[in-house]
Amino acid sequence: MFGVATRNGLLLVDNYNNKFAQGMHLKDVIVKGSLERINAILMTALSSALGMLPLAIAGGAGNEILQPLAIVVFLGWFVYLHGINLVGHSCDLCQIWQVVDTQANPPTLQTRTEAVQRS
């Protein structure tokens, strides 16, 4: 599970970097980059999670040991893959790029005053 989630995260970040290098605005990079990769991420998560579904809902002898494991794995795919990959990476990269942009182009007193006046 961890390897697949890491691979999905790397592909998502690589897609963001490619779009950012093309000169797209930061919010467009995150929205369009996530929408392009969501199909692959969902298919990976669904195929693995649905493989655990029969074990999670099955009954019978010995199931009391394996059923909780299957439920945790089933729900873990959705929480981890969607929460961390799609939301977490997007928010982290947005903050990192804003810090890098601020360091590369430090705001002047005039731009700070204009920002305060607009808000």
PDB file of N, CA and C in Angstrom:
ATOM      1  N   MET A   1       0.831  -1.189   0.000  1.00  0.00           N
ATOM      2  CA  MET A   1       0.000   0.000   0.000  1.00  0.00           C
ATOM      3  C   MET A   1       0.876   1.252   0.000  1.00  0.00           C
ATOM      4  N   PHE A   2       1.939   1.228   0.790  1.00  0.00           N
ATOM      5  CA  PHE A   2       2.803   2.402   0.884  1.00  0.00           C
ATOM      6  C   PHE A   2       3.523   2.661  -0.438  1.00  0.00           C
ATOM      7  N   GLY A   3       3.957   1.605  -1.109  1.00  0.00           N
ATOM      8  CA  GLY A   3       4.659   1.769  -2.379  1.00  0.00           C
ATOM      9  C   GLY A   3       3.768   2.350  -3.466  1.00  0.00           C
ATOM     10  N   VAL A   4       2.543   1.881  -3.526  1.00  0.00           N
ATOM     11  CA  VAL A   4       1.606   2.398  -4.527  1.00  0.00           C
ATOM     12  C   VAL A   4       1.274   3.855  -4.238  1.00  0.00           C
ATOM     13  N   ALA A   5       1.070   4.180  -2.971  1.00  0.00           N
ATOM     14  CA  ALA A   5       0.761   5.561  -2.603  1.00  0.00           C
ATOM     15  C   ALA A   5       1.940   6.480  -2.909  1.00  0.00           C
ATOM     16  N   THR A   6       3.151   6.008  -2.667  1.00  0.00           N
ATOM     17  CA  THR A   6       4.339   6.810  -2.971  1.00  0.00           C
ATOM     18  C   THR A   6       4.470   7.030  -4.471  1.00  0.00           C
ATOM     19  N   ARG A   7       4.236   5.974  -5.252  1.00  0.00           N
ATOM     20  CA  ARG A   7       4.315   6.095  -6.710  1.00  0.00           C
ATOM     21  C   ARG A   7       3.265   7.076  -7.232  1.00  0.00           C
ATOM     22  N   ASN A   8       2.051   6.982  -6.713  1.00  0.00           N
ATOM     23  CA  ASN A   8       1.001   7.913  -7.132  1.00  0.00           C
ATOM     24  C   ASN A   8       1.362   9.350  -6.765  1.00  0.00           C
ATOM     25  N   GLY A   9       1.926   9.538  -5.583  1.00  0.00           N
ATOM     26  CA  GLY A   9       2.342  10.878  -5.166  1.00  0.00           C
ATOM     27  C   GLY A   9       3.446  11.436  -6.050  1.00  0.00           C
ATOM     28  N   LEU A  10       4.406  10.592  -6.404  1.00  0.00           N
ATOM     29  CA  LEU A  10       5.497  11.043  -7.277  1.00  0.00           C
ATOM     30  C   LEU A  10       4.987  11.404  -8.670  1.00  0.00           C
ATOM     31  N   LEU A  11       4.076  10.603  -9.196  1.00  0.00           N
ATOM     32  CA  LEU A  11       3.509  10.918 -10.512  1.00  0.00           C
ATOM     33  C   LEU A  11       2.702  12.211 -10.470  1.00  0.00           C
ATOM     34  N   LEU A  12       2.002  12.427  -9.374  1.00  0.00           N
ATOM     35  CA  LEU A  12       1.220  13.648  -9.225  1.00  0.00           C
ATOM     36  C   LEU A  12       2.125  14.870  -9.148  1.00  0.00           C
ATOM     37  N   VAL A  13       3.184  14.787  -8.353  1.00  0.00           N
ATOM     38  CA  VAL A  13       4.116  15.905  -8.216  1.00  0.00           C
ATOM     39  C   VAL A  13       4.846  16.148  -9.530  1.00  0.00           C
ATOM     40  N   ASP A  14       5.209  15.082 -10.242  1.00  0.00           N
ATOM     41  CA  ASP A  14       5.865  15.245 -11.538  1.00  0.00           C
ATOM     42  C   ASP A  14       4.937  15.938 -12.535  1.00  0.00           C
ATOM     43  N   ASN A  15       3.662  15.595 -12.494  1.00  0.00           N
ATOM     44  CA  ASN A  15       2.691  16.254 -13.367  1.00  0.00           C
ATOM     45  C   ASN A  15       2.567  17.734 -13.018  1.00  0.00           C
ATOM     46  N   TYR A  16       2.570  18.054 -11.713  1.00  0.00           N
ATOM     47  CA  TYR A  16       2.546  19.455 -11.287  1.00  0.00           C
ATOM     48  C   TYR A  16       3.771  20.210 -11.799  1.00  0.00           C
ATOM     49  N   ASN A  17       4.931  19.601 -11.653  1.00  0.00           N
ATOM     50  CA  ASN A  17       6.168  20.257 -12.083  1.00  0.00           C
ATOM     51  C   ASN A  17       6.181  20.515 -13.589  1.00  0.00           C
ATOM     52  N   ASN A  18       5.687  19.562 -14.369  1.00  0.00           N
ATOM     53  CA  ASN A  18       5.631  19.755 -15.827  1.00  0.00           C
ATOM     54  C   ASN A  18       4.715  20.913 -16.190  1.00  0.00           C
ATOM     55  N   LYS A  19       3.576  20.995 -15.544  1.00  0.00           N
ATOM     56  CA  LYS A  19       2.645  22.090 -15.843  1.00  0.00           C
ATOM     57  C   LYS A  19       3.196  23.432 -15.370  1.00  0.00           C
ATOM     58  N   PHE A  20       3.878  23.418 -14.217  1.00  0.00           N
ATOM     59  CA  PHE A  20       4.466  24.652 -13.699  1.00  0.00           C
ATOM     60  C   PHE A  20       5.584  25.133 -14.622  1.00  0.00           C
ATOM     61  N   ALA A  21       6.340  24.208 -15.198  1.00  0.00           N
ATOM     62  CA  ALA A  21       7.416  24.567 -16.125  1.00  0.00           C
ATOM     63  C   ALA A  21       6.862  25.131 -17.431  1.00  0.00           C
ATOM     64  N   GLN A  22       5.634  24.791 -17.773  1.00  0.00           N
ATOM     65  CA  GLN A  22       5.002  25.334 -18.979  1.00  0.00           C
ATOM     66  C   GLN A  22       4.516  26.758 -18.783  1.00  0.00           C
ATOM     67  N   GLY A  23       4.611  27.259 -17.551  1.00  0.00           N
ATOM     68  CA  GLY A  23       4.237  28.645 -17.278  1.00  0.00           C
ATOM     69  C   GLY A  23       2.809  28.831 -16.806  1.00  0.00           C
ATOM     70  N   MET A  24       2.170  27.764 -16.389  1.00  0.00           N
ATOM     71  CA  MET A  24       0.799  27.882 -15.910  1.00  0.00           C
ATOM     72  C   MET A  24       0.786  28.520 -14.521  1.00  0.00           C
ATOM     73  N   HIS A  25      -0.317  29.144 -14.188  1.00  0.00           N
ATOM     74  CA  HIS A  25      -0.509  29.746 -12.868  1.00  0.00           C
ATOM     75  C   HIS A  25      -0.614  28.627 -11.837  1.00  0.00           C
ATOM     76  N   LEU A  26      -0.227  28.919 -10.605  1.00  0.00           N
ATOM     77  CA  LEU A  26      -0.135  27.911  -9.546  1.00  0.00           C
ATOM     78  C   LEU A  26      -1.453  27.189  -9.301  1.00  0.00           C
ATOM     79  N   LYS A  27      -2.547  27.917  -9.226  1.00  0.00           N
ATOM     80  CA  LYS A  27      -3.838  27.273  -8.961  1.00  0.00           C
ATOM     81  C   LYS A  27      -4.278  26.415 -10.141  1.00  0.00           C
ATOM     82  N   ASP A  28      -3.993  26.865 -11.356  1.00  0.00           N
ATOM     83  CA  ASP A  28      -4.310  26.058 -12.531  1.00  0.00           C
ATOM     84  C   ASP A  28      -3.480  24.785 -12.568  1.00  0.00           C
ATOM     85  N   VAL A  29      -2.230  24.892 -12.141  1.00  0.00           N
ATOM     86  CA  VAL A  29      -1.354  23.722 -12.091  1.00  0.00           C
ATOM     87  C   VAL A  29      -1.955  22.669 -11.172  1.00  0.00           C
ATOM     88  N   ILE A  30      -2.386  23.087  -9.996  1.00  0.00           N
ATOM     89  CA  ILE A  30      -2.901  22.134  -9.020  1.00  0.00           C
ATOM     90  C   ILE A  30      -4.231  21.547  -9.473  1.00  0.00           C
ATOM     91  N   VAL A  31      -5.133  22.365  -9.967  1.00  0.00           N
ATOM     92  CA  VAL A  31      -6.447  21.870 -10.380  1.00  0.00           C
ATOM     93  C   VAL A  31      -6.328  20.964 -11.600  1.00  0.00           C
ATOM     94  N   LYS A  32      -5.672  21.432 -12.651  1.00  0.00           N
ATOM     95  CA  LYS A  32      -5.574  20.637 -13.876  1.00  0.00           C
ATOM     96  C   LYS A  32      -4.677  19.424 -13.695  1.00  0.00           C
ATOM     97  N   GLY A  33      -3.606  19.574 -12.926  1.00  0.00           N
ATOM     98  CA  GLY A  33      -2.726  18.438 -12.670  1.00  0.00           C
ATOM     99  C   GLY A  33      -3.414  17.343 -11.880  1.00  0.00           C
ATOM    100  N   SER A  34      -4.222  17.724 -10.894  1.00  0.00           N
ATOM    101  CA  SER A  34      -4.955  16.735 -10.095  1.00  0.00           C
ATOM    102  C   SER A  34      -6.038  16.058 -10.924  1.00  0.00           C
ATOM    103  N   LEU A  35      -6.735  16.830 -11.739  1.00  0.00           N
ATOM    104  CA  LEU A  35      -7.789  16.244 -12.560  1.00  0.00           C
ATOM    105  C   LEU A  35      -7.244  15.267 -13.589  1.00  0.00           C
ATOM    106  N   GLU A  36      -6.035  15.525 -14.094  1.00  0.00           N
ATOM    107  CA  GLU A  36      -5.443  14.606 -15.064  1.00  0.00           C
ATOM    108  C   GLU A  36      -5.025  13.291 -14.424  1.00  0.00           C
ATOM    109  N   ARG A  37      -4.598  13.317 -13.180  1.00  0.00           N
ATOM    110  CA  ARG A  37      -4.081  12.117 -12.520  1.00  0.00           C
ATOM    111  C   ARG A  37      -5.126  11.392 -11.682  1.00  0.00           C
ATOM    112  N   ILE A  38      -6.299  11.996 -11.487  1.00  0.00           N
ATOM    113  CA  ILE A  38      -7.267  11.388 -10.571  1.00  0.00           C
ATOM    114  C   ILE A  38      -7.778  10.049 -11.104  1.00  0.00           C
ATOM    115  N   ASN A  39      -7.882   9.900 -12.400  1.00  0.00           N
ATOM    116  CA  ASN A  39      -8.361   8.644 -12.963  1.00  0.00           C
ATOM    117  C   ASN A  39      -7.418   7.497 -12.612  1.00  0.00           C
ATOM    118  N   ALA A  40      -6.127   7.687 -12.819  1.00  0.00           N
ATOM    119  CA  ALA A  40      -5.152   6.639 -12.505  1.00  0.00           C
ATOM    120  C   ALA A  40      -5.107   6.347 -11.011  1.00  0.00           C
ATOM    121  N   ILE A  41      -5.184   7.381 -10.191  1.00  0.00           N
ATOM    122  CA  ILE A  41      -5.136   7.187  -8.741  1.00  0.00           C
ATOM    123  C   ILE A  41      -6.377   6.445  -8.265  1.00  0.00           C
ATOM    124  N   LEU A  42      -7.545   6.818  -8.763  1.00  0.00           N
ATOM    125  CA  LEU A  42      -8.771   6.136  -8.355  1.00  0.00           C
ATOM    126  C   LEU A  42      -8.809   4.687  -8.819  1.00  0.00           C
ATOM    127  N   MET A  43      -8.329   4.417 -10.017  1.00  0.00           N
ATOM    128  CA  MET A  43      -8.326   3.042 -10.512  1.00  0.00           C
ATOM    129  C   MET A  43      -7.386   2.169  -9.692  1.00  0.00           C
ATOM    130  N   THR A  44      -6.242   2.705  -9.314  1.00  0.00           N
ATOM    131  CA  THR A  44      -5.318   1.947  -8.475  1.00  0.00           C
ATOM    132  C   THR A  44      -5.947   1.665  -7.116  1.00  0.00           C
ATOM    133  N   ALA A  45      -6.550   2.675  -6.527  1.00  0.00           N
ATOM    134  CA  ALA A  45      -7.161   2.508  -5.210  1.00  0.00           C
ATOM    135  C   ALA A  45      -8.354   1.561  -5.266  1.00  0.00           C
ATOM    136  N   LEU A  46      -9.188   1.719  -6.263  1.00  0.00           N
ATOM    137  CA  LEU A  46     -10.375   0.870  -6.361  1.00  0.00           C
ATOM    138  C   LEU A  46     -10.030  -0.589  -6.598  1.00  0.00           C
ATOM    139  N   SER A  47      -9.068  -0.854  -7.465  1.00  0.00           N
ATOM    140  CA  SER A  47      -8.722  -2.249  -7.750  1.00  0.00           C
ATOM    141  C   SER A  47      -8.162  -2.937  -6.514  1.00  0.00           C
ATOM    142  N   SER A  48      -7.347  -2.252  -5.767  1.00  0.00           N
ATOM    143  CA  SER A  48      -6.777  -2.858  -4.555  1.00  0.00           C
ATOM    144  C   SER A  48      -7.818  -2.961  -3.441  1.00  0.00           C
ATOM    145  N   ALA A  49      -8.617  -1.935  -3.265  1.00  0.00           N
ATOM    146  CA  ALA A  49      -9.616  -1.947  -2.195  1.00  0.00           C
ATOM    147  C   ALA A  49     -10.721  -2.953  -2.486  1.00  0.00           C
ATOM    148  N   LEU A  50     -11.140  -3.040  -3.718  1.00  0.00           N
ATOM    149  CA  LEU A  50     -12.203  -3.988  -4.053  1.00  0.00           C
ATOM    150  C   LEU A  50     -11.722  -5.436  -3.933  1.00  0.00           C
ATOM    151  N   GLY A  51     -10.422  -5.654  -4.034  1.00  0.00           N
ATOM    152  CA  GLY A  51      -9.882  -6.987  -3.791  1.00  0.00           C
ATOM    153  C   GLY A  51     -10.027  -7.407  -2.343  1.00  0.00           C
ATOM    154  N   MET A  52     -10.059  -6.463  -1.430  1.00  0.00           N
ATOM    155  CA  MET A  52     -10.236  -6.754  -0.005  1.00  0.00           C
ATOM    156  C   MET A  52     -11.710  -6.809   0.406  1.00  0.00           C
ATOM    157  N   LEU A  53     -12.588  -6.347  -0.439  1.00  0.00           N
ATOM    158  CA  LEU A  53     -14.004  -6.279  -0.082  1.00  0.00           C
ATOM    159  C   LEU A  53     -14.614  -7.641   0.245  1.00  0.00           C
ATOM    160  N   PRO A  54     -14.364  -8.709  -0.527  1.00  0.00           N
ATOM    161  CA  PRO A  54     -14.947 -10.000  -0.145  1.00  0.00           C
ATOM    162  C   PRO A  54     -14.494 -10.475   1.236  1.00  0.00           C
ATOM    163  N   LEU A  55     -13.248 -10.236   1.564  1.00  0.00           N
ATOM    164  CA  LEU A  55     -12.753 -10.631   2.882  1.00  0.00           C
ATOM    165  C   LEU A  55     -13.384  -9.778   3.989  1.00  0.00           C
ATOM    166  N   ALA A  56     -13.657  -8.509   3.689  1.00  0.00           N
ATOM    167  CA  ALA A  56     -14.232  -7.617   4.693  1.00  0.00           C
ATOM    168  C   ALA A  56     -15.690  -7.953   5.003  1.00  0.00           C
ATOM    169  N   ILE A  57     -16.426  -8.467   4.037  1.00  0.00           N
ATOM    170  CA  ILE A  57     -17.849  -8.739   4.265  1.00  0.00           C
ATOM    171  C   ILE A  57     -18.160 -10.222   4.439  1.00  0.00           C
ATOM    172  N   ALA A  58     -17.158 -11.069   4.311  1.00  0.00           N
ATOM    173  CA  ALA A  58     -17.380 -12.509   4.407  1.00  0.00           C
ATOM    174  C   ALA A  58     -17.621 -12.934   5.856  1.00  0.00           C
ATOM    175  N   GLY A  59     -18.258 -14.049   5.994  1.00  0.00           N
ATOM    176  CA  GLY A  59     -18.472 -14.644   7.305  1.00  0.00           C
ATOM    177  C   GLY A  59     -17.879 -16.037   7.309  1.00  0.00           C
ATOM    178  N   GLY A  60     -17.822 -16.634   8.457  1.00  0.00           N
ATOM    179  CA  GLY A  60     -17.319 -18.000   8.527  1.00  0.00           C
ATOM    180  C   GLY A  60     -16.265 -18.149   9.598  1.00  0.00           C
ATOM    181  N   ALA A  61     -15.746 -19.358   9.678  1.00  0.00           N
ATOM    182  CA  ALA A  61     -14.758 -19.684  10.704  1.00  0.00           C
ATOM    183  C   ALA A  61     -13.446 -18.957  10.424  1.00  0.00           C
ATOM    184  N   GLY A  62     -12.871 -18.352  11.447  1.00  0.00           N
ATOM    185  CA  GLY A  62     -11.594 -17.657  11.317  1.00  0.00           C
ATOM    186  C   GLY A  62     -11.704 -16.244  10.774  1.00  0.00           C
ATOM    187  N   ASN A  63     -12.902 -15.852  10.447  1.00  0.00           N
ATOM    188  CA  ASN A  63     -13.093 -14.527   9.860  1.00  0.00           C
ATOM    189  C   ASN A  63     -12.917 -13.403  10.875  1.00  0.00           C
ATOM    190  N   GLU A  64     -13.094 -13.714  12.159  1.00  0.00           N
ATOM    191  CA  GLU A  64     -12.980 -12.665  13.181  1.00  0.00           C
ATOM    192  C   GLU A  64     -11.556 -12.123  13.276  1.00  0.00           C
ATOM    193  N   ILE A  65     -10.593 -12.842  12.749  1.00  0.00           N
ATOM    194  CA  ILE A  65      -9.209 -12.362  12.756  1.00  0.00           C
ATOM    195  C   ILE A  65      -8.903 -11.567  11.495  1.00  0.00           C
ATOM    196  N   LEU A  66      -9.355 -12.041  10.348  1.00  0.00           N
ATOM    197  CA  LEU A  66      -9.001 -11.417   9.070  1.00  0.00           C
ATOM    198  C   LEU A  66      -9.912 -10.258   8.686  1.00  0.00           C
ATOM    199  N   GLN A  67     -11.145 -10.269   9.153  1.00  0.00           N
ATOM    200  CA  GLN A  67     -12.087  -9.219   8.768  1.00  0.00           C
ATOM    201  C   GLN A  67     -11.651  -7.825   9.210  1.00  0.00           C
ATOM    202  N   PRO A  68     -11.193  -7.620  10.465  1.00  0.00           N
ATOM    203  CA  PRO A  68     -10.733  -6.279  10.837  1.00  0.00           C
ATOM    204  C   PRO A  68      -9.551  -5.793   9.998  1.00  0.00           C
ATOM    205  N   LEU A  69      -8.649  -6.695   9.656  1.00  0.00           N
ATOM    206  CA  LEU A  69      -7.521  -6.332   8.803  1.00  0.00           C
ATOM    207  C   LEU A  69      -8.005  -5.887   7.426  1.00  0.00           C
ATOM    208  N   ALA A  70      -8.940  -6.625   6.862  1.00  0.00           N
ATOM    209  CA  ALA A  70      -9.462  -6.273   5.542  1.00  0.00           C
ATOM    210  C   ALA A  70     -10.187  -4.933   5.574  1.00  0.00           C
ATOM    211  N   ILE A  71     -10.913  -4.652   6.631  1.00  0.00           N
ATOM    212  CA  ILE A  71     -11.630  -3.375   6.745  1.00  0.00           C
ATOM    213  C   ILE A  71     -10.637  -2.223   6.843  1.00  0.00           C
ATOM    214  N   VAL A  72      -9.590  -2.412   7.635  1.00  0.00           N
ATOM    215  CA  VAL A  72      -8.581  -1.356   7.773  1.00  0.00           C
ATOM    216  C   VAL A  72      -7.882  -1.100   6.447  1.00  0.00           C
ATOM    217  N   VAL A  73      -7.526  -2.147   5.742  1.00  0.00           N
ATOM    218  CA  VAL A  73      -6.868  -1.978   4.444  1.00  0.00           C
ATOM    219  C   VAL A  73      -7.824  -1.330   3.444  1.00  0.00           C
ATOM    220  N   PHE A  74      -9.067  -1.779   3.433  1.00  0.00           N
ATOM    221  CA  PHE A  74     -10.066  -1.235   2.508  1.00  0.00           C
ATOM    222  C   PHE A  74     -10.259   0.265   2.716  1.00  0.00           C
ATOM    223  N   LEU A  75     -10.462   0.681   3.963  1.00  0.00           N
ATOM    224  CA  LEU A  75     -10.667   2.101   4.241  1.00  0.00           C
ATOM    225  C   LEU A  75      -9.362   2.891   4.154  1.00  0.00           C
ATOM    226  N   GLY A  76      -8.257   2.250   4.458  1.00  0.00           N
ATOM    227  CA  GLY A  76      -6.961   2.921   4.386  1.00  0.00           C
ATOM    228  C   GLY A  76      -6.606   3.372   2.982  1.00  0.00           C
ATOM    229  N   TRP A  77      -6.982   2.574   1.997  1.00  0.00           N
ATOM    230  CA  TRP A  77      -6.713   2.967   0.619  1.00  0.00           C
ATOM    231  C   TRP A  77      -7.379   4.294   0.293  1.00  0.00           C
ATOM    232  N   PHE A  78      -8.619   4.428   0.671  1.00  0.00           N
ATOM    233  CA  PHE A  78      -9.345   5.638   0.323  1.00  0.00           C
ATOM    234  C   PHE A  78      -8.886   6.842   1.133  1.00  0.00           C
ATOM    235  N   VAL A  79      -8.703   6.653   2.430  1.00  0.00           N
ATOM    236  CA  VAL A  79      -8.290   7.781   3.271  1.00  0.00           C
ATOM    237  C   VAL A  79      -6.885   8.226   2.910  1.00  0.00           C
ATOM    238  N   TYR A  80      -5.959   7.281   2.815  1.00  0.00           N
ATOM    239  CA  TYR A  80      -4.572   7.645   2.571  1.00  0.00           C
ATOM    240  C   TYR A  80      -4.368   8.161   1.149  1.00  0.00           C
ATOM    241  N   LEU A  81      -4.864   7.429   0.183  1.00  0.00           N
ATOM    242  CA  LEU A  81      -4.617   7.828  -1.201  1.00  0.00           C
ATOM    243  C   LEU A  81      -5.299   9.144  -1.552  1.00  0.00           C
ATOM    244  N   HIS A  82      -6.511   9.322  -1.106  1.00  0.00           N
ATOM    245  CA  HIS A  82      -7.208  10.554  -1.456  1.00  0.00           C
ATOM    246  C   HIS A  82      -6.784  11.707  -0.551  1.00  0.00           C
ATOM    247  N   GLY A  83      -6.715  11.437   0.721  1.00  0.00           N
ATOM    248  CA  GLY A  83      -6.373  12.513   1.658  1.00  0.00           C
ATOM    249  C   GLY A  83      -4.952  13.006   1.500  1.00  0.00           C
ATOM    250  N   ILE A  84      -4.015  12.093   1.414  1.00  0.00           N
ATOM    251  CA  ILE A  84      -2.616  12.487   1.351  1.00  0.00           C
ATOM    252  C   ILE A  84      -2.216  12.879  -0.065  1.00  0.00           C
ATOM    253  N   ASN A  85      -2.517  12.031  -1.028  1.00  0.00           N
ATOM    254  CA  ASN A  85      -2.046  12.307  -2.388  1.00  0.00           C
ATOM    255  C   ASN A  85      -2.715  13.518  -3.015  1.00  0.00           C
ATOM    256  N   LEU A  86      -4.009  13.532  -3.031  1.00  0.00           N
ATOM    257  CA  LEU A  86      -4.688  14.599  -3.770  1.00  0.00           C
ATOM    258  C   LEU A  86      -4.754  15.903  -2.989  1.00  0.00           C
ATOM    259  N   VAL A  87      -5.062  15.827  -1.716  1.00  0.00           N
ATOM    260  CA  VAL A  87      -5.216  17.056  -0.932  1.00  0.00           C
ATOM    261  C   VAL A  87      -3.899  17.470  -0.297  1.00  0.00           C
ATOM    262  N   GLY A  88      -3.242  16.529   0.345  1.00  0.00           N
ATOM    263  CA  GLY A  88      -2.008  16.846   1.066  1.00  0.00           C
ATOM    264  C   GLY A  88      -0.892  17.350   0.177  1.00  0.00           C
ATOM    265  N   HIS A  89      -0.615  16.628  -0.914  1.00  0.00           N
ATOM    266  CA  HIS A  89       0.447  17.067  -1.824  1.00  0.00           C
ATOM    267  C   HIS A  89       0.121  18.409  -2.463  1.00  0.00           C
ATOM    268  N   SER A  90      -1.136  18.601  -2.808  1.00  0.00           N
ATOM    269  CA  SER A  90      -1.532  19.861  -3.431  1.00  0.00           C
ATOM    270  C   SER A  90      -1.317  21.041  -2.491  1.00  0.00           C
ATOM    271  N   CYS A  91      -1.743  20.885  -1.243  1.00  0.00           N
ATOM    272  CA  CYS A  91      -1.570  21.971  -0.266  1.00  0.00           C
ATOM    273  C   CYS A  91      -0.109  22.210   0.055  1.00  0.00           C
ATOM    274  N   ASP A  92       0.653  21.131   0.226  1.00  0.00           N
ATOM    275  CA  ASP A  92       2.082  21.273   0.517  1.00  0.00           C
ATOM    276  C   ASP A  92       2.818  21.970  -0.619  1.00  0.00           C
ATOM    277  N   LEU A  93       2.555  21.537  -1.835  1.00  0.00           N
ATOM    278  CA  LEU A  93       3.245  22.151  -2.972  1.00  0.00           C
ATOM    279  C   LEU A  93       2.847  23.602  -3.170  1.00  0.00           C
ATOM    280  N   CYS A  94       1.599  23.915  -2.908  1.00  0.00           N
ATOM    281  CA  CYS A  94       1.161  25.303  -3.015  1.00  0.00           C
ATOM    282  C   CYS A  94       1.923  26.175  -2.027  1.00  0.00           C
ATOM    283  N   GLN A  95       2.080  25.711  -0.800  1.00  0.00           N
ATOM    284  CA  GLN A  95       2.818  26.486   0.205  1.00  0.00           C
ATOM    285  C   GLN A  95       4.297  26.575  -0.151  1.00  0.00           C
ATOM    286  N   ILE A  96       4.886  25.495  -0.620  1.00  0.00           N
ATOM    287  CA  ILE A  96       6.302  25.500  -0.977  1.00  0.00           C
ATOM    288  C   ILE A  96       6.554  26.452  -2.137  1.00  0.00           C
ATOM    289  N   TRP A  97       5.717  26.388  -3.172  1.00  0.00           N
ATOM    290  CA  TRP A  97       5.920  27.264  -4.323  1.00  0.00           C
ATOM    291  C   TRP A  97       5.718  28.725  -3.967  1.00  0.00           C
ATOM    292  N   GLN A  98       4.812  29.008  -3.042  1.00  0.00           N
ATOM    293  CA  GLN A  98       4.626  30.396  -2.623  1.00  0.00           C
ATOM    294  C   GLN A  98       5.839  30.898  -1.859  1.00  0.00           C
ATOM    295  N   VAL A  99       6.447  30.056  -1.038  1.00  0.00           N
ATOM    296  CA  VAL A  99       7.650  30.452  -0.312  1.00  0.00           C
ATOM    297  C   VAL A  99       8.801  30.666  -1.288  1.00  0.00           C
ATOM    298  N   VAL A 100       8.970  29.761  -2.242  1.00  0.00           N
ATOM    299  CA  VAL A 100      10.042  29.890  -3.230  1.00  0.00           C
ATOM    300  C   VAL A 100       9.839  31.142  -4.078  1.00  0.00           C
ATOM    301  N   ASP A 101       8.590  31.397  -4.477  1.00  0.00           N
ATOM    302  CA  ASP A 101       8.303  32.584  -5.274  1.00  0.00           C
ATOM    303  C   ASP A 101       8.563  33.848  -4.472  1.00  0.00           C
ATOM    304  N   THR A 102       8.236  33.845  -3.192  1.00  0.00           N
ATOM    305  CA  THR A 102       8.473  35.012  -2.344  1.00  0.00           C
ATOM    306  C   THR A 102       9.964  35.253  -2.165  1.00  0.00           C
ATOM    307  N   GLN A 103      10.747  34.187  -2.038  1.00  0.00           N
ATOM    308  CA  GLN A 103      12.188  34.341  -1.887  1.00  0.00           C
ATOM    309  C   GLN A 103      12.828  34.798  -3.186  1.00  0.00           C
ATOM    310  N   ALA A 104      12.309  34.328  -4.316  1.00  0.00           N
ATOM    311  CA  ALA A 104      12.870  34.727  -5.605  1.00  0.00           C
ATOM    312  C   ALA A 104      12.498  36.165  -5.960  1.00  0.00           C
ATOM    313  N   ASN A 105      11.290  36.570  -5.612  1.00  0.00           N
ATOM    314  CA  ASN A 105      10.794  37.925  -5.883  1.00  0.00           C
ATOM    315  C   ASN A 105      10.269  38.519  -4.590  1.00  0.00           C
ATOM    316  N   PRO A 106      11.142  38.995  -3.715  1.00  0.00           N
ATOM    317  CA  PRO A 106      10.653  39.510  -2.434  1.00  0.00           C
ATOM    318  C   PRO A 106       9.734  40.706  -2.632  1.00  0.00           C
ATOM    319  N   PRO A 107       8.628  40.736  -1.890  1.00  0.00           N
ATOM    320  CA  PRO A 107       7.700  41.856  -2.051  1.00  0.00           C
ATOM    321  C   PRO A 107       8.318  43.155  -1.536  1.00  0.00           C
ATOM    322  N   THR A 108       8.038  44.209  -2.234  1.00  0.00           N
ATOM    323  CA  THR A 108       8.523  45.522  -1.812  1.00  0.00           C
ATOM    324  C   THR A 108       7.499  46.143  -0.880  1.00  0.00           C
ATOM    325  N   LEU A 109       7.846  47.260  -0.304  1.00  0.00           N
ATOM    326  CA  LEU A 109       6.937  47.947   0.600  1.00  0.00           C
ATOM    327  C   LEU A 109       5.680  48.364  -0.144  1.00  0.00           C
ATOM    328  N   GLN A 110       5.829  48.751  -1.406  1.00  0.00           N
ATOM    329  CA  GLN A 110       4.673  49.180  -2.181  1.00  0.00           C
ATOM    330  C   GLN A 110       3.702  48.019  -2.410  1.00  0.00           C
ATOM    331  N   THR A 111       4.214  46.819  -2.756  1.00  0.00           N
ATOM    332  CA  THR A 111       3.308  45.692  -2.995  1.00  0.00           C
ATOM    333  C   THR A 111       2.654  45.231  -1.706  1.00  0.00           C
ATOM    334  N   ARG A 112       3.356  45.338  -0.571  1.00  0.00           N
ATOM    335  CA  ARG A 112       2.746  44.981   0.701  1.00  0.00           C
ATOM    336  C   ARG A 112       1.623  45.957   1.043  1.00  0.00           C
ATOM    337  N   THR A 113       1.846  47.246   0.813  1.00  0.00           N
ATOM    338  CA  THR A 113       0.817  48.245   1.090  1.00  0.00           C
ATOM    339  C   THR A 113      -0.393  48.029   0.192  1.00  0.00           C
ATOM    340  N   GLU A 114      -0.160  47.701  -1.065  1.00  0.00           N
ATOM    341  CA  GLU A 114      -1.273  47.446  -1.987  1.00  0.00           C
ATOM    342  C   GLU A 114      -2.049  46.215  -1.554  1.00  0.00           C
ATOM    343  N   ALA A 115      -1.365  45.195  -1.082  1.00  0.00           N
ATOM    344  CA  ALA A 115      -2.041  43.972  -0.637  1.00  0.00           C
ATOM    345  C   ALA A 115      -2.901  44.253   0.582  1.00  0.00           C
ATOM    346  N   VAL A 116      -2.427  45.078   1.494  1.00  0.00           N
ATOM    347  CA  VAL A 116      -3.205  45.428   2.687  1.00  0.00           C
ATOM    348  C   VAL A 116      -4.419  46.258   2.310  1.00  0.00           C
ATOM    349  N   GLN A 117      -4.252  47.170   1.376  1.00  0.00           N
ATOM    350  CA  GLN A 117      -5.369  48.019   0.953  1.00  0.00           C
ATOM    351  C   GLN A 117      -6.441  47.221   0.236  1.00  0.00           C
ATOM    352  N   ARG A 118      -6.051  46.181  -0.512  1.00  0.00           N
ATOM    353  CA  ARG A 118      -7.040  45.364  -1.222  1.00  0.00           C
ATOM    354  C   ARG A 118      -7.830  44.481  -0.277  1.00  0.00           C
ATOM    355  N   SER A 119      -7.255  44.095   0.843  1.00  0.00           N
ATOM    356  CA  SER A 119      -7.968  43.181   1.744  1.00  0.00           C
ATOM    357  C   SER A 119      -8.839  43.904   2.744  1.00  0.00           C
TER     358      SER A 119
END
